[in-house]
Amino acid sequence: MKYELSFIISPAIAETDHPSVNQEVLDYLKGIDAKITREPYFMGRRKLAYPIAKQKHGFYVGLEFESEVVASLKDLDTKLKHNNSLLRYLVIKLEGQAENAAVDFSKMEEKEIARGRGKETKKVKVSAAKAIPKKAEPKEKIVKEKIKLEDIDKKLDEILEEPKLD
């Protein structure tokens, strides 16, 4: 079965130590006889939605792997849980999803470079075109006729005078 593992490396860990943390995670996967189908891809430093362990930022990393033994995921979970270098991690089962439904991280990298956050300082145009919503055309004004109070009273009298058919 195919799985995706995403994890957040603590900002307290020096960036020079990130490859060793990645290697630890790869060793965990080798320990459970998992086959790496997509090498770790670094998504960069991001602000967290809420503080985790008093940290406001984290370094996101993701990878994909295959494992035939589902019970071995529990061992992986235990090892990842006890790794103090990781703030959070998530393992997602990819089975049953379309192959082209995977996220294209090359476009994310282009956007990061365009924003000036990527590895390169050169700005690159993002190829994905954004749909610009058209302005809504003004609707025709609905003119309501004023109803007289006398007309309402007449209508109510008619309704009340009708015999009930219960």
Protein backbone atom coordinates (compact mmCIF):
# COMPACT_ATOMS: atom_id res chain seq x y z
CA MET A 1 0.00 0.00 0.00
CA LYS A 2 1.14 3.54 -0.72
CA TYR A 3 1.54 6.06 2.08
CA GLU A 4 2.65 9.66 2.41
CA LEU A 5 4.61 10.78 5.46
CA SER A 6 4.76 14.49 6.28
CA PHE A 7 6.60 15.83 9.28
CA ILE A 8 7.62 19.16 10.79
CA ILE A 9 11.18 19.60 12.00
CA SER A 10 11.57 21.85 15.03
CA PRO A 11 13.19 25.24 14.39
CA ALA A 12 15.37 24.56 17.46
CA ILE A 13 17.27 22.07 15.28
CA ALA A 14 20.01 23.73 13.22
CA GLU A 15 19.42 23.68 9.48
CA THR A 16 22.72 21.89 9.04
CA ASP A 17 21.27 19.00 11.08
CA HIS A 18 18.14 18.63 8.92
CA PRO A 19 19.74 16.03 6.61
CA SER A 20 20.53 13.87 9.64
CA VAL A 21 16.91 14.13 10.83
CA ASN A 22 15.74 13.14 7.33
CA GLN A 23 18.16 10.20 7.42
CA GLU A 24 16.76 9.11 10.81
CA VAL A 25 13.26 9.04 9.35
CA LEU A 26 14.52 7.08 6.30
CA ASP A 27 16.20 4.62 8.67
CA TYR A 28 12.88 4.17 10.51
CA LEU A 29 11.25 3.34 7.16
CA LYS A 30 14.02 0.90 6.25
CA GLY A 31 13.51 -0.71 9.66
CA ILE A 32 9.91 -1.55 8.78
CA ASP A 33 10.89 -2.77 5.27
CA ALA A 34 9.23 0.13 3.50
CA LYS A 35 10.18 1.05 -0.05
CA ILE A 36 10.69 4.80 -0.63
CA THR A 37 8.81 5.78 -3.80
CA ARG A 38 9.44 9.52 -3.58
CA GLU A 39 12.51 10.95 -1.89
CA PRO A 40 12.02 13.52 0.89
CA TYR A 41 11.01 16.89 -0.49
CA PHE A 42 11.65 19.96 1.58
CA MET A 43 8.70 22.37 1.66
CA GLY A 44 10.53 25.08 3.59
CA ARG A 45 10.08 27.04 6.77
CA ARG A 46 6.46 27.91 7.44
CA LYS A 47 4.56 29.63 10.19
CA LEU A 48 2.47 27.21 12.22
CA ALA A 49 -1.26 27.78 12.65
CA TYR A 50 -0.77 27.62 16.42
CA PRO A 51 2.32 27.26 18.63
CA ILE A 52 3.57 23.71 19.14
CA ALA A 53 6.02 23.18 22.02
CA LYS A 54 6.39 26.98 22.22
CA GLN A 55 7.53 27.10 18.58
CA LYS A 56 5.80 29.34 16.04
CA HIS A 57 7.59 28.08 12.90
CA GLY A 58 8.65 24.72 11.55
CA PHE A 59 10.39 23.12 8.58
CA TYR A 60 8.02 20.95 6.56
CA VAL A 61 9.23 17.77 4.85
CA GLY A 62 7.26 15.10 3.00
CA LEU A 63 7.96 11.74 1.37
CA GLU A 64 6.06 8.80 -0.09
CA PHE A 65 6.63 5.13 0.61
CA GLU A 66 5.11 1.69 0.12
CA SER A 67 4.69 -0.92 2.81
CA GLU A 68 2.95 -4.28 2.61
CA VAL A 69 2.86 -4.86 6.39
CA VAL A 70 0.25 -2.58 7.92
CA ALA A 71 1.20 -3.61 11.47
CA SER A 72 4.68 -2.15 10.94
CA LEU A 73 3.14 1.33 10.77
CA LYS A 74 2.56 1.12 14.51
CA ASP A 75 6.32 0.71 15.01
CA LEU A 76 6.93 3.68 12.73
CA ASP A 77 4.41 5.71 14.72
CA THR A 78 6.19 4.88 17.99
CA LYS A 79 9.61 5.82 16.60
CA LEU A 80 8.36 9.12 15.17
CA LYS A 81 6.56 9.94 18.41
CA HIS A 82 9.78 9.56 20.43
CA ASN A 83 11.90 11.65 18.05
CA ASN A 84 12.40 15.01 19.79
CA SER A 85 13.49 16.70 16.55
CA LEU A 86 9.97 16.47 15.13
CA LEU A 87 7.12 18.73 16.21
CA ARG A 88 4.38 16.83 14.36
CA TYR A 89 4.04 14.07 11.77
CA LEU A 90 1.24 12.58 9.70
CA VAL A 91 1.00 9.32 7.76
CA ILE A 92 -1.69 9.23 5.06
CA LYS A 93 -2.80 6.20 3.06
CA LEU A 94 -2.76 7.03 -0.67
CA GLU A 95 -4.41 3.86 -1.96
CA GLY A 96 -7.49 4.43 -4.12
CA GLN A 97 -6.56 7.95 -5.17
CA ALA A 98 -5.92 8.89 -8.75
CA GLU A 99 -2.26 9.08 -9.77
CA ASN A 100 -2.65 12.59 -11.16
CA ALA A 101 -4.27 13.80 -7.92
CA ALA A 102 -0.88 14.12 -6.25
CA VAL A 103 0.33 17.61 -5.45
CA ASP A 104 2.81 19.04 -7.93
CA PHE A 105 5.47 20.43 -5.63
CA SER A 106 7.41 21.96 -8.51
CA LYS A 107 4.68 24.60 -8.80
CA MET A 108 4.92 25.25 -5.06
CA GLU A 109 8.66 25.76 -5.43
CA GLU A 110 8.05 28.20 -8.31
CA LYS A 111 5.66 30.18 -6.13
CA GLU A 112 8.15 30.25 -3.26
CA ILE A 113 10.89 31.47 -5.59
CA ALA A 114 8.55 34.13 -6.97
CA ARG A 115 7.81 35.30 -3.42
CA GLY A 116 11.51 35.48 -2.66
CA ARG A 117 11.42 32.62 -0.12
CA GLY A 118 12.96 29.95 -2.30
CA LYS A 119 16.55 28.86 -2.68
CA GLU A 120 17.08 31.08 -5.71
CA THR A 121 16.79 34.84 -5.59
CA LYS A 122 15.73 35.10 -9.22
CA LYS A 123 12.01 35.72 -9.63
CA VAL A 124 10.09 33.27 -11.78
CA LYS A 125 6.64 33.67 -13.24
CA VAL A 126 4.14 31.17 -11.90
CA SER A 127 2.66 29.18 -14.74
CA ALA A 128 -0.68 28.50 -13.10
CA ALA A 129 -3.23 31.03 -14.32
CA LYS A 130 -5.70 32.22 -11.74
CA ALA A 131 -9.31 32.52 -12.77
CA ILE A 132 -10.51 36.08 -12.40
CA PRO A 133 -14.15 36.16 -11.43
CA LYS A 134 -16.35 38.34 -13.58
CA LYS A 135 -18.33 41.11 -11.99
CA ALA A 136 -21.92 40.18 -11.46
CA GLU A 137 -24.26 41.98 -13.79
CA PRO A 138 -26.85 44.10 -12.01
CA LYS A 139 -30.12 42.32 -11.57
CA GLU A 140 -33.31 43.91 -12.67
CA LYS A 141 -34.93 45.78 -9.87
CA ILE A 142 -38.04 44.06 -8.68
CA VAL A 143 -40.79 46.55 -8.16
CA LYS A 144 -43.17 45.42 -5.49
CA GLU A 145 -46.65 46.70 -5.56
CA LYS A 146 -47.86 48.15 -2.35
CA ILE A 147 -50.64 46.08 -0.88
CA LYS A 148 -53.38 47.93 0.85
CA LEU A 149 -54.45 46.94 4.33
CA GLU A 150 -58.06 46.73 3.15
CA ASP A 151 -57.14 44.10 0.55
CA ILE A 152 -55.46 42.00 3.23
CA ASP A 153 -58.54 42.23 5.47
CA LYS A 154 -60.81 41.12 2.60
CA LYS A 155 -58.58 38.15 1.80
CA LEU A 156 -58.47 37.09 5.45
CA ASP A 157 -62.25 37.29 5.72
CA GLU A 158 -62.61 35.09 2.62
CA ILE A 159 -60.25 32.48 4.06
CA LEU A 160 -61.97 32.45 7.43
CA GLU A 161 -65.47 32.15 5.92
CA GLU A 162 -64.59 29.05 3.91
CA PRO A 163 -65.99 25.90 5.47
CA LYS A 164 -63.46 23.45 6.89
CA LEU A 165 -63.47 20.09 5.14
CA ASP A 166 -61.86 18.10 7.99
